[in-house]
Every structure is written in structure tokens, then in C-alpha cells.
Amino acid sequence: MIIKRRVLACILLLVLVLMSACGPIMSTSRRSDAEEALAKAKAVNADVLAPYEYTMSQEYLRKADELWGYSEFGYSSEYAQKSIDMAKAAEEKAKQEPWYSPLEKQ
């Protein structure tokens, strides 16, 4: 009976240790994916052709970095995902429906 409790305690401890490492890893991975998505958007000139979506993506990534610095890995991961989504939207918009500044047409 004592051995079963020790084994169960060891398994529970192992599960807790493994679960605690998921937050920083997931957040860092998503942050890296967000940087890559922003680079792809920049490559199609989304900063000029889809300025709203591109800027929102940058700001979501900045917020993800800030939260990561405060060890809020769950929230950081969510903001990194929002950054990825907006970067993809900016890339698609820049490819399909470019925006032209009214100031340039003068």
C-alpha cells in the first residue's frame, strides 16, 4: 500500500513538472511563428497595402512580448496567436485588395 502511494505521488509530481513547462514553450513557439508571419506580410508590402492589419499584428506581438516578460505565458500565447492571425490577414489583403493612400493620388 505504501509503495502504491509513493508511485502515485511520483507520477503526479512528474505530470505537474511536465505541465508547468508547457506555458513558456508554447508561448515562445507562437511568438516565433508570429515573427515569421509578420516577415511574410512585410515581404508582400503589407505595411503599405494593409496598414491597419499589419500594425495590429505588430502591436499584438509587442503585447505578447510584454506579457512573456511578466511570466504570463498563457496570455502571451493568446496575443501571439492574435498577431499571427492579423499578419495573415494583412498578407492576404495586400495580395488581393491593396489599399492606396488618398494623399498619393494628388
N, C-alpha and C. Protein backbone atom coordinates (compact mmCIF):
# COMPACT_ATOMS: atom_id res chain seq x y z
N MET A 1 0.82 -1.20 0.00
CA MET A 1 0.00 0.00 0.00
C MET A 1 0.87 1.27 0.00
N ILE A 2 1.93 1.29 0.80
CA ILE A 2 2.82 2.45 0.86
C ILE A 2 3.54 2.64 -0.47
N ILE A 3 3.92 1.55 -1.10
CA ILE A 3 4.61 1.63 -2.39
C ILE A 3 3.69 2.22 -3.45
N LYS A 4 2.42 1.82 -3.44
CA LYS A 4 1.46 2.36 -4.41
C LYS A 4 1.30 3.87 -4.23
N ARG A 5 1.27 4.33 -2.99
CA ARG A 5 1.14 5.77 -2.74
C ARG A 5 2.36 6.52 -3.23
N ARG A 6 3.53 5.95 -3.00
CA ARG A 6 4.77 6.60 -3.46
C ARG A 6 4.83 6.65 -4.98
N VAL A 7 4.45 5.56 -5.62
CA VAL A 7 4.44 5.54 -7.08
C VAL A 7 3.44 6.55 -7.61
N LEU A 8 2.26 6.59 -7.00
CA LEU A 8 1.24 7.56 -7.42
C LEU A 8 1.72 8.99 -7.19
N ALA A 9 2.39 9.23 -6.08
CA ALA A 9 2.92 10.57 -5.79
C ALA A 9 4.00 10.95 -6.80
N CYS A 10 4.86 10.00 -7.17
CA CYS A 10 5.91 10.27 -8.16
C CYS A 10 5.31 10.58 -9.53
N ILE A 11 4.29 9.82 -9.91
CA ILE A 11 3.63 10.06 -11.20
C ILE A 11 2.96 11.43 -11.21
N LEU A 12 2.29 11.77 -10.13
CA LEU A 12 1.64 13.07 -10.03
C LEU A 12 2.66 14.20 -10.09
N LEU A 13 3.77 14.04 -9.41
CA LEU A 13 4.82 15.05 -9.43
C LEU A 13 5.39 15.20 -10.84
N LEU A 14 5.60 14.10 -11.53
CA LEU A 14 6.12 14.13 -12.89
C LEU A 14 5.15 14.85 -13.83
N VAL A 15 3.88 14.57 -13.69
CA VAL A 15 2.86 15.23 -14.52
C VAL A 15 2.86 16.73 -14.26
N LEU A 16 2.93 17.13 -13.00
CA LEU A 16 2.95 18.56 -12.67
C LEU A 16 4.17 19.26 -13.23
N VAL A 17 5.32 18.61 -13.15
CA VAL A 17 6.55 19.21 -13.69
C VAL A 17 6.44 19.37 -15.20
N LEU A 18 5.96 18.35 -15.87
CA LEU A 18 5.83 18.42 -17.32
C LEU A 18 4.81 19.46 -17.76
N MET A 19 3.73 19.60 -17.03
CA MET A 19 2.70 20.58 -17.39
C MET A 19 3.17 22.00 -17.15
N SER A 20 4.00 22.21 -16.17
CA SER A 20 4.45 23.58 -15.88
C SER A 20 5.38 24.10 -16.96
N ALA A 21 6.00 23.23 -17.72
CA ALA A 21 6.91 23.66 -18.77
C ALA A 21 6.19 23.99 -20.07
N CYS A 22 4.95 23.63 -20.20
CA CYS A 22 4.21 23.83 -21.46
C CYS A 22 3.98 25.31 -21.77
N GLY A 23 3.68 26.12 -20.77
CA GLY A 23 3.38 27.53 -20.98
C GLY A 23 4.50 28.29 -21.66
N PRO A 24 5.71 28.27 -21.10
CA PRO A 24 6.80 29.01 -21.74
C PRO A 24 7.15 28.48 -23.12
N ILE A 25 7.08 27.18 -23.30
CA ILE A 25 7.43 26.59 -24.59
C ILE A 25 6.40 26.99 -25.65
N MET A 26 5.12 26.88 -25.31
CA MET A 26 4.05 27.23 -26.26
C MET A 26 4.10 28.71 -26.61
N SER A 27 4.29 29.54 -25.61
CA SER A 27 4.33 30.97 -25.83
C SER A 27 5.51 31.37 -26.71
N THR A 28 6.67 30.80 -26.44
CA THR A 28 7.85 31.12 -27.23
C THR A 28 7.70 30.64 -28.67
N SER A 29 7.11 29.48 -28.84
CA SER A 29 6.89 28.93 -30.17
C SER A 29 5.93 29.81 -30.97
N ARG A 30 4.83 30.20 -30.34
CA ARG A 30 3.86 31.06 -31.03
C ARG A 30 4.46 32.42 -31.35
N ARG A 31 5.28 32.94 -30.45
CA ARG A 31 5.93 34.23 -30.69
C ARG A 31 6.82 34.15 -31.92
N SER A 32 7.54 33.05 -32.04
CA SER A 32 8.40 32.84 -33.20
C SER A 32 7.56 32.73 -34.48
N ASP A 33 6.43 32.04 -34.39
CA ASP A 33 5.53 31.94 -35.54
C ASP A 33 4.97 33.30 -35.93
N ALA A 34 4.70 34.14 -34.93
CA ALA A 34 4.17 35.49 -35.20
C ALA A 34 5.22 36.34 -35.92
N GLU A 35 6.47 36.23 -35.50
CA GLU A 35 7.53 36.98 -36.19
C GLU A 35 7.65 36.53 -37.65
N GLU A 36 7.54 35.23 -37.87
CA GLU A 36 7.61 34.69 -39.22
C GLU A 36 6.44 35.18 -40.07
N ALA A 37 5.24 35.19 -39.48
CA ALA A 37 4.06 35.67 -40.21
C ALA A 37 4.19 37.16 -40.55
N LEU A 38 4.74 37.94 -39.63
CA LEU A 38 4.97 39.35 -39.90
C LEU A 38 5.99 39.55 -41.02
N ALA A 39 7.02 38.73 -41.04
CA ALA A 39 8.03 38.83 -42.10
C ALA A 39 7.41 38.50 -43.47
N LYS A 40 6.54 37.50 -43.51
CA LYS A 40 5.86 37.16 -44.76
C LYS A 40 4.95 38.30 -45.22
N ALA A 41 4.27 38.94 -44.27
CA ALA A 41 3.41 40.06 -44.61
C ALA A 41 4.24 41.24 -45.13
N LYS A 42 5.35 41.48 -44.50
CA LYS A 42 6.24 42.58 -44.92
C LYS A 42 6.78 42.32 -46.33
N ALA A 43 7.01 41.04 -46.65
CA ALA A 43 7.56 40.68 -47.95
C ALA A 43 6.61 41.04 -49.09
N VAL A 44 5.30 41.06 -48.82
CA VAL A 44 4.34 41.43 -49.86
C VAL A 44 3.90 42.89 -49.70
N ASN A 45 4.67 43.66 -48.95
CA ASN A 45 4.43 45.09 -48.77
C ASN A 45 3.14 45.39 -48.01
N ALA A 46 2.80 44.52 -47.06
CA ALA A 46 1.56 44.70 -46.30
C ALA A 46 1.60 45.93 -45.40
N ASP A 47 2.79 46.38 -45.03
CA ASP A 47 2.88 47.58 -44.19
C ASP A 47 2.34 48.80 -44.91
N VAL A 48 2.37 48.79 -46.24
CA VAL A 48 1.85 49.90 -47.04
C VAL A 48 0.46 49.60 -47.57
N LEU A 49 0.25 48.35 -48.00
CA LEU A 49 -1.01 47.98 -48.66
C LEU A 49 -2.11 47.55 -47.70
N ALA A 50 -1.75 47.15 -46.48
CA ALA A 50 -2.74 46.76 -45.47
C ALA A 50 -2.25 47.28 -44.11
N PRO A 51 -2.20 48.62 -43.97
CA PRO A 51 -1.56 49.19 -42.78
C PRO A 51 -2.26 48.87 -41.46
N TYR A 52 -3.58 48.80 -41.45
CA TYR A 52 -4.29 48.52 -40.20
C TYR A 52 -3.94 47.13 -39.68
N GLU A 53 -4.09 46.13 -40.54
CA GLU A 53 -3.85 44.75 -40.13
C GLU A 53 -2.39 44.54 -39.74
N TYR A 54 -1.49 45.12 -40.51
CA TYR A 54 -0.06 44.96 -40.24
C TYR A 54 0.32 45.60 -38.90
N THR A 55 -0.19 46.80 -38.65
CA THR A 55 0.11 47.49 -37.40
C THR A 55 -0.49 46.75 -36.21
N MET A 56 -1.71 46.24 -36.36
CA MET A 56 -2.32 45.47 -35.27
C MET A 56 -1.49 44.23 -34.96
N SER A 57 -0.99 43.59 -35.99
CA SER A 57 -0.15 42.41 -35.78
C SER A 57 1.11 42.77 -35.00
N GLN A 58 1.73 43.89 -35.35
CA GLN A 58 2.91 44.34 -34.62
C GLN A 58 2.58 44.63 -33.16
N GLU A 59 1.47 45.28 -32.92
CA GLU A 59 1.09 45.63 -31.56
C GLU A 59 0.72 44.41 -30.72
N TYR A 60 0.03 43.45 -31.33
CA TYR A 60 -0.26 42.21 -30.61
C TYR A 60 1.04 41.48 -30.24
N LEU A 61 2.01 41.49 -31.15
CA LEU A 61 3.29 40.86 -30.85
C LEU A 61 4.02 41.60 -29.74
N ARG A 62 3.94 42.92 -29.75
CA ARG A 62 4.57 43.71 -28.68
C ARG A 62 3.93 43.38 -27.34
N LYS A 63 2.61 43.25 -27.31
CA LYS A 63 1.91 42.91 -26.07
C LYS A 63 2.27 41.49 -25.63
N ALA A 64 2.40 40.58 -26.57
CA ALA A 64 2.81 39.21 -26.24
C ALA A 64 4.19 39.20 -25.60
N ASP A 65 5.10 40.01 -26.14
CA ASP A 65 6.44 40.12 -25.55
C ASP A 65 6.37 40.67 -24.13
N GLU A 66 5.56 41.69 -23.94
CA GLU A 66 5.42 42.31 -22.62
C GLU A 66 4.90 41.29 -21.60
N LEU A 67 3.85 40.56 -21.98
CA LEU A 67 3.28 39.57 -21.07
C LEU A 67 4.24 38.42 -20.82
N TRP A 68 5.01 38.04 -21.82
CA TRP A 68 6.00 36.99 -21.65
C TRP A 68 7.04 37.43 -20.61
N GLY A 69 7.40 38.70 -20.65
CA GLY A 69 8.35 39.24 -19.68
C GLY A 69 7.84 39.19 -18.26
N TYR A 70 6.53 39.25 -18.08
CA TYR A 70 5.92 39.16 -16.75
C TYR A 70 5.53 37.72 -16.40
N SER A 71 5.98 36.75 -17.20
CA SER A 71 5.70 35.33 -17.00
C SER A 71 4.21 35.00 -17.09
N GLU A 72 3.48 35.77 -17.85
CA GLU A 72 2.07 35.49 -18.13
C GLU A 72 2.01 34.74 -19.46
N PHE A 73 2.47 33.48 -19.43
CA PHE A 73 2.68 32.74 -20.67
C PHE A 73 1.38 32.41 -21.40
N GLY A 74 0.31 32.15 -20.68
CA GLY A 74 -0.97 31.85 -21.33
C GLY A 74 -1.48 33.04 -22.12
N TYR A 75 -1.47 34.21 -21.49
CA TYR A 75 -1.92 35.42 -22.17
C TYR A 75 -0.96 35.80 -23.30
N SER A 76 0.32 35.61 -23.06
CA SER A 76 1.30 35.90 -24.10
C SER A 76 1.05 35.04 -25.34
N SER A 77 0.74 33.79 -25.12
CA SER A 77 0.46 32.89 -26.23
C SER A 77 -0.79 33.32 -26.99
N GLU A 78 -1.81 33.79 -26.27
CA GLU A 78 -3.03 34.26 -26.92
C GLU A 78 -2.75 35.49 -27.79
N TYR A 79 -1.97 36.43 -27.27
CA TYR A 79 -1.66 37.63 -28.06
C TYR A 79 -0.76 37.29 -29.25
N ALA A 80 0.13 36.33 -29.08
CA ALA A 80 0.96 35.91 -30.21
C ALA A 80 0.08 35.30 -31.30
N GLN A 81 -0.94 34.53 -30.90
CA GLN A 81 -1.86 33.95 -31.88
C GLN A 81 -2.65 35.05 -32.60
N LYS A 82 -3.07 36.07 -31.86
CA LYS A 82 -3.77 37.20 -32.49
C LYS A 82 -2.85 37.89 -33.49
N SER A 83 -1.57 38.01 -33.15
CA SER A 83 -0.60 38.61 -34.04
C SER A 83 -0.47 37.80 -35.33
N ILE A 84 -0.43 36.48 -35.19
CA ILE A 84 -0.35 35.60 -36.36
C ILE A 84 -1.57 35.79 -37.25
N ASP A 85 -2.75 35.81 -36.64
CA ASP A 85 -3.99 35.97 -37.40
C ASP A 85 -4.02 37.29 -38.15
N MET A 86 -3.60 38.37 -37.49
CA MET A 86 -3.62 39.68 -38.15
C MET A 86 -2.55 39.77 -39.24
N ALA A 87 -1.41 39.15 -39.03
CA ALA A 87 -0.36 39.15 -40.05
C ALA A 87 -0.83 38.40 -41.29
N LYS A 88 -1.51 37.29 -41.08
CA LYS A 88 -2.05 36.55 -42.22
C LYS A 88 -3.12 37.35 -42.95
N ALA A 89 -3.95 38.05 -42.17
CA ALA A 89 -4.98 38.91 -42.78
C ALA A 89 -4.33 40.03 -43.58
N ALA A 90 -3.27 40.61 -43.05
CA ALA A 90 -2.56 41.69 -43.75
C ALA A 90 -1.94 41.16 -45.04
N GLU A 91 -1.36 39.98 -44.97
CA GLU A 91 -0.75 39.38 -46.16
C GLU A 91 -1.80 39.12 -47.24
N GLU A 92 -2.92 38.56 -46.85
CA GLU A 92 -3.99 38.28 -47.82
C GLU A 92 -4.55 39.57 -48.41
N LYS A 93 -4.77 40.56 -47.57
CA LYS A 93 -5.32 41.83 -48.06
C LYS A 93 -4.34 42.51 -49.01
N ALA A 94 -3.06 42.44 -48.68
CA ALA A 94 -2.06 43.07 -49.55
C ALA A 94 -1.98 42.37 -50.90
N LYS A 95 -2.21 41.09 -50.91
CA LYS A 95 -2.17 40.35 -52.17
C LYS A 95 -3.41 40.57 -53.02
N GLN A 96 -4.58 40.70 -52.36
CA GLN A 96 -5.84 40.74 -53.10
C GLN A 96 -6.38 42.15 -53.32
N GLU A 97 -6.40 42.93 -52.30
CA GLU A 97 -7.11 44.20 -52.33
C GLU A 97 -6.22 45.31 -51.77
N PRO A 98 -5.28 45.79 -52.54
CA PRO A 98 -4.36 46.79 -51.99
C PRO A 98 -5.05 48.10 -51.65
N TRP A 99 -4.54 48.72 -50.63
CA TRP A 99 -5.04 50.00 -50.17
C TRP A 99 -4.12 51.08 -50.72
N TYR A 100 -4.70 52.14 -51.22
CA TYR A 100 -3.93 53.25 -51.74
C TYR A 100 -4.23 54.48 -50.91
N SER A 101 -3.22 55.18 -50.53
CA SER A 101 -3.39 56.38 -49.73
C SER A 101 -4.02 57.47 -50.59
N PRO A 102 -5.02 58.16 -50.06
CA PRO A 102 -5.61 59.25 -50.83
C PRO A 102 -4.62 60.39 -51.06
N LEU A 103 -3.62 60.49 -50.23
CA LEU A 103 -2.63 61.54 -50.38
C LEU A 103 -1.73 61.30 -51.59
N GLU A 104 -1.54 60.06 -51.98
CA GLU A 104 -0.68 59.74 -53.11
C GLU A 104 -1.34 60.05 -54.45
N LYS A 105 -2.66 60.18 -54.49
CA LYS A 105 -3.38 60.40 -55.76
C LYS A 105 -3.41 61.87 -56.15
N GLN A 106 -2.92 62.73 -55.33
CA GLN A 106 -2.99 64.16 -55.64
C GLN A 106 -2.05 64.56 -56.72
